[in-house]
Amino acid sequence: MSLRTILPTTLLACWTVAAVYAIEVPKPDPGQKEHAWLKQLVGPWEVELEAKDTEGKVLMQCKQNISYRMLGNLWVVADIEMLDGQNTILGLQTIGYDPKAKQYVGTWVDSMHNHLWNYSGSVDEAGKKLTLEATGPNMLLPPGAVPQMVQYRDAYELVSPDEMKVESSMQMPDGKWMVFMSGKAVRKQQPAAR
């Protein structure tokens, strides 16, 4: 290698190092009070749910294990395992807060549907209930029916630090909301450290 090749390469490397050290490394966003609200969900939860039809008849009962964790200060991520007696359905949920839109946002995917659910919503004035809405496929249609997209609403109400009411609703053709799944989540107690 000649001096003509080494000198420019060495200078370029030095300038690159100097530029990297001159740029201040960004610090993680500490989030806002809306992001801090999400931290209340962190931890493992056991959920008991009941699904009903349009007449209120119980169709099934199932259990879920949900483990919420923070992704930095801005997002809560939930790993979900639902057991309905016959199948195990896995899900992944994200919830954050968009300061520009001034609303909570999130996503849901699961091992049963190929639909990506995009949420938006808010926490009530009391600071206890998070309500998220999304558009998704109508799950009440009979097999073979032409697919339709409808509005859904999920609500998570903190009754205490260790108990939460959960409810899923679907908007019917007349505009009314029908609760099709509801239940209670209880925080799993962590074993005491020895």
Protein backbone atom coordinates (compact mmCIF):
# COMPACT_ATOMS: atom_id res chain seq x y z
CA MET A 1 0.00 0.00 0.00
CA SER A 2 1.35 3.40 -0.91
CA LEU A 3 1.45 6.52 1.22
CA ARG A 4 -1.11 8.05 -1.20
CA THR A 5 -3.62 5.35 -0.26
CA ILE A 6 -2.87 5.21 3.48
CA LEU A 7 -2.97 8.98 4.16
CA PRO A 8 -6.49 9.71 2.82
CA THR A 9 -7.86 6.55 4.47
CA THR A 10 -6.27 7.49 7.82
CA LEU A 11 -7.59 11.07 7.60
CA LEU A 12 -11.10 9.82 6.76
CA ALA A 13 -11.00 7.44 9.75
CA CYS A 14 -9.86 10.26 12.07
CA TRP A 15 -12.59 12.62 10.85
CA THR A 16 -15.19 9.89 11.28
CA VAL A 17 -14.06 9.23 14.87
CA ALA A 18 -14.01 12.96 15.62
CA ALA A 19 -17.52 13.39 14.15
CA VAL A 20 -18.89 10.50 16.21
CA TYR A 21 -17.49 11.95 19.44
CA ALA A 22 -18.69 15.46 18.53
CA ILE A 23 -22.27 14.27 18.15
CA GLU A 24 -24.10 13.96 21.44
CA VAL A 25 -25.56 10.51 21.93
CA PRO A 26 -29.34 10.84 22.21
CA LYS A 27 -30.87 9.96 25.57
CA PRO A 28 -33.94 7.73 25.85
CA ASP A 29 -37.23 9.62 25.89
CA PRO A 30 -38.45 9.66 29.52
CA GLY A 31 -42.05 9.68 28.33
CA GLN A 32 -44.99 11.63 29.71
CA LYS A 33 -47.60 10.98 32.40
CA GLU A 34 -49.61 9.02 29.82
CA HIS A 35 -46.67 6.67 29.32
CA ALA A 36 -46.25 6.35 33.08
CA TRP A 37 -49.89 5.18 33.30
CA LEU A 38 -48.94 2.10 31.27
CA LYS A 39 -46.38 1.02 33.89
CA GLN A 40 -49.27 0.02 36.16
CA LEU A 41 -49.85 -2.95 33.85
CA VAL A 42 -46.33 -4.37 34.11
CA GLY A 43 -46.12 -7.88 35.49
CA PRO A 44 -47.85 -11.25 35.11
CA TRP A 45 -51.65 -11.50 35.20
CA GLU A 46 -54.17 -14.37 35.21
CA VAL A 47 -57.40 -13.62 33.37
CA GLU A 48 -60.73 -15.44 33.42
CA LEU A 49 -63.02 -14.57 30.51
CA GLU A 50 -66.54 -15.39 29.40
CA ALA A 51 -67.73 -15.05 25.79
CA LYS A 52 -71.41 -14.42 25.04
CA ASP A 53 -73.58 -14.33 21.93
CA THR A 54 -75.95 -11.52 20.88
CA GLU A 55 -78.66 -12.87 23.23
CA GLY A 56 -76.29 -12.95 26.20
CA LYS A 57 -75.91 -16.75 26.20
CA VAL A 58 -72.49 -17.91 27.42
CA LEU A 59 -70.64 -19.50 24.49
CA MET A 60 -67.38 -20.32 26.20
CA GLN A 61 -65.17 -19.67 29.18
CA CYS A 62 -61.44 -19.37 28.86
CA LYS A 63 -58.30 -18.37 30.72
CA GLN A 64 -55.43 -16.16 29.73
CA ASN A 65 -51.94 -15.64 31.05
CA ILE A 66 -50.67 -12.17 30.24
CA SER A 67 -47.20 -10.86 30.93
CA TYR A 68 -46.74 -7.10 30.46
CA ARG A 69 -43.27 -5.54 30.18
CA MET A 70 -42.04 -2.05 29.36
CA LEU A 71 -40.07 -1.33 26.21
CA GLY A 72 -38.08 1.66 27.44
CA ASN A 73 -40.36 4.31 28.91
CA LEU A 74 -42.76 4.55 25.99
CA TRP A 75 -44.37 1.19 25.23
CA VAL A 76 -45.89 -1.67 27.16
CA VAL A 77 -45.68 -5.05 25.42
CA ALA A 78 -47.95 -7.94 26.40
CA ASP A 79 -47.29 -11.61 25.70
CA ILE A 80 -50.63 -13.42 25.86
CA GLU A 81 -51.49 -17.10 26.07
CA MET A 82 -55.20 -17.95 25.90
CA LEU A 83 -56.52 -21.42 26.73
CA ASP A 84 -60.08 -22.18 25.64
CA GLY A 85 -60.11 -25.87 26.54
CA GLN A 86 -59.29 -27.04 23.01
CA ASN A 87 -56.73 -24.61 21.65
CA THR A 88 -53.89 -22.45 22.84
CA ILE A 89 -53.94 -19.05 21.16
CA LEU A 90 -50.86 -16.85 21.40
CA GLY A 91 -51.06 -13.07 21.10
CA LEU A 92 -48.79 -10.05 21.18
CA GLN A 93 -50.04 -6.57 22.07
CA THR A 94 -48.30 -3.20 22.16
CA ILE A 95 -49.68 -0.04 23.76
CA GLY A 96 -48.06 3.39 23.79
CA TYR A 97 -49.05 7.04 23.72
CA ASP A 98 -48.77 9.38 20.72
CA PRO A 99 -48.25 12.94 22.07
CA LYS A 100 -48.92 14.51 18.65
CA ALA A 101 -52.28 12.77 18.21
CA LYS A 102 -52.97 13.03 21.97
CA GLN A 103 -54.18 9.45 22.15
CA TYR A 104 -53.07 5.99 23.14
CA VAL A 105 -52.08 3.76 20.22
CA GLY A 106 -51.28 0.11 19.89
CA THR A 107 -51.33 -3.10 17.92
CA TRP A 108 -52.53 -6.67 18.35
CA VAL A 109 -51.58 -9.85 16.47
CA ASP A 110 -52.38 -13.43 17.36
CA SER A 111 -51.88 -16.99 16.16
CA MET A 112 -55.53 -17.38 15.11
CA HIS A 113 -56.09 -14.45 12.71
CA ASN A 114 -54.00 -12.91 9.93
CA HIS A 115 -55.31 -9.43 10.72
CA LEU A 116 -53.09 -6.71 12.21
CA TRP A 117 -55.24 -4.74 14.66
CA ASN A 118 -54.35 -1.03 15.03
CA TYR A 119 -55.67 0.57 18.21
CA SER A 120 -56.33 4.14 19.27
CA GLY A 121 -58.01 5.37 22.44
CA SER A 122 -57.84 7.15 25.76
CA VAL A 123 -57.86 6.84 29.55
CA ASP A 124 -60.95 8.16 31.35
CA GLU A 125 -60.87 11.28 33.54
CA ALA A 126 -60.64 9.17 36.70
CA GLY A 127 -57.41 7.64 35.37
CA LYS A 128 -58.66 4.09 35.87
CA LYS A 129 -59.95 2.86 32.51
CA LEU A 130 -58.09 2.57 29.20
CA THR A 131 -60.39 2.15 26.19
CA LEU A 132 -58.95 1.24 22.79
CA GLU A 133 -60.80 0.94 19.49
CA ALA A 134 -59.85 -0.88 16.30
CA THR A 135 -61.33 -2.04 13.01
CA GLY A 136 -61.33 -5.77 12.38
CA PRO A 137 -63.13 -8.66 10.70
CA ASN A 138 -66.65 -9.46 11.90
CA MET A 139 -66.19 -12.66 13.92
CA LEU A 140 -69.94 -13.28 14.28
CA LEU A 141 -70.47 -14.05 10.60
CA PRO A 142 -71.21 -17.69 9.72
CA PRO A 143 -68.52 -19.69 7.85
CA GLY A 144 -68.50 -18.87 4.14
CA ALA A 145 -70.14 -15.45 4.55
CA VAL A 146 -68.72 -12.44 2.72
CA PRO A 147 -66.13 -10.88 5.09
CA GLN A 148 -67.04 -7.56 6.72
CA MET A 149 -65.00 -5.10 8.75
CA VAL A 150 -66.53 -3.71 11.95
CA GLN A 151 -65.48 -1.57 14.92
CA TYR A 152 -64.22 -3.17 18.14
CA ARG A 153 -63.60 -1.70 21.57
CA ASP A 154 -61.39 -3.15 24.33
CA ALA A 155 -61.49 -1.71 27.85
CA TYR A 156 -59.07 -2.31 30.73
CA GLU A 157 -60.27 -0.90 34.06
CA LEU A 158 -57.92 -0.91 37.06
CA VAL A 159 -60.08 -1.78 40.06
CA SER A 160 -56.98 -1.93 42.30
CA PRO A 161 -53.23 -2.30 41.69
CA ASP A 162 -53.75 -6.08 41.50
CA GLU A 163 -57.15 -6.39 39.81
CA MET A 164 -58.44 -5.30 36.44
CA LYS A 165 -61.81 -5.63 34.67
CA VAL A 166 -61.50 -6.42 30.96
CA GLU A 167 -64.19 -6.12 28.34
CA SER A 168 -64.38 -6.50 24.55
CA SER A 169 -67.27 -5.04 22.55
CA MET A 170 -68.29 -4.98 18.92
CA GLN A 171 -70.36 -2.31 17.18
CA MET A 172 -73.57 -3.77 15.75
CA PRO A 173 -75.25 -2.61 12.50
CA ASP A 174 -77.65 -0.39 14.51
CA GLY A 175 -74.66 1.48 15.99
CA LYS A 176 -75.01 -0.02 19.48
CA TRP A 177 -72.11 -1.74 21.19
CA MET A 178 -72.45 -5.39 22.22
CA VAL A 179 -70.14 -6.80 24.92
CA PHE A 180 -69.09 -10.21 23.62
CA MET A 181 -66.30 -10.99 26.10
CA SER A 182 -65.69 -9.85 29.64
CA GLY A 183 -63.83 -10.96 32.72
CA LYS A 184 -61.40 -10.23 35.48
CA ALA A 185 -57.60 -10.11 35.56
CA VAL A 186 -55.71 -10.71 38.78
CA ARG A 187 -52.02 -9.95 39.16
CA LYS A 188 -49.95 -13.06 39.87
CA GLN A 189 -47.99 -12.73 43.06
CA GLN A 190 -44.25 -13.08 42.62
CA PRO A 191 -42.54 -15.56 44.92
CA ALA A 192 -40.69 -13.82 47.75
CA ALA A 193 -36.94 -13.51 47.26
CA ARG A 194 -34.86 -15.75 49.51
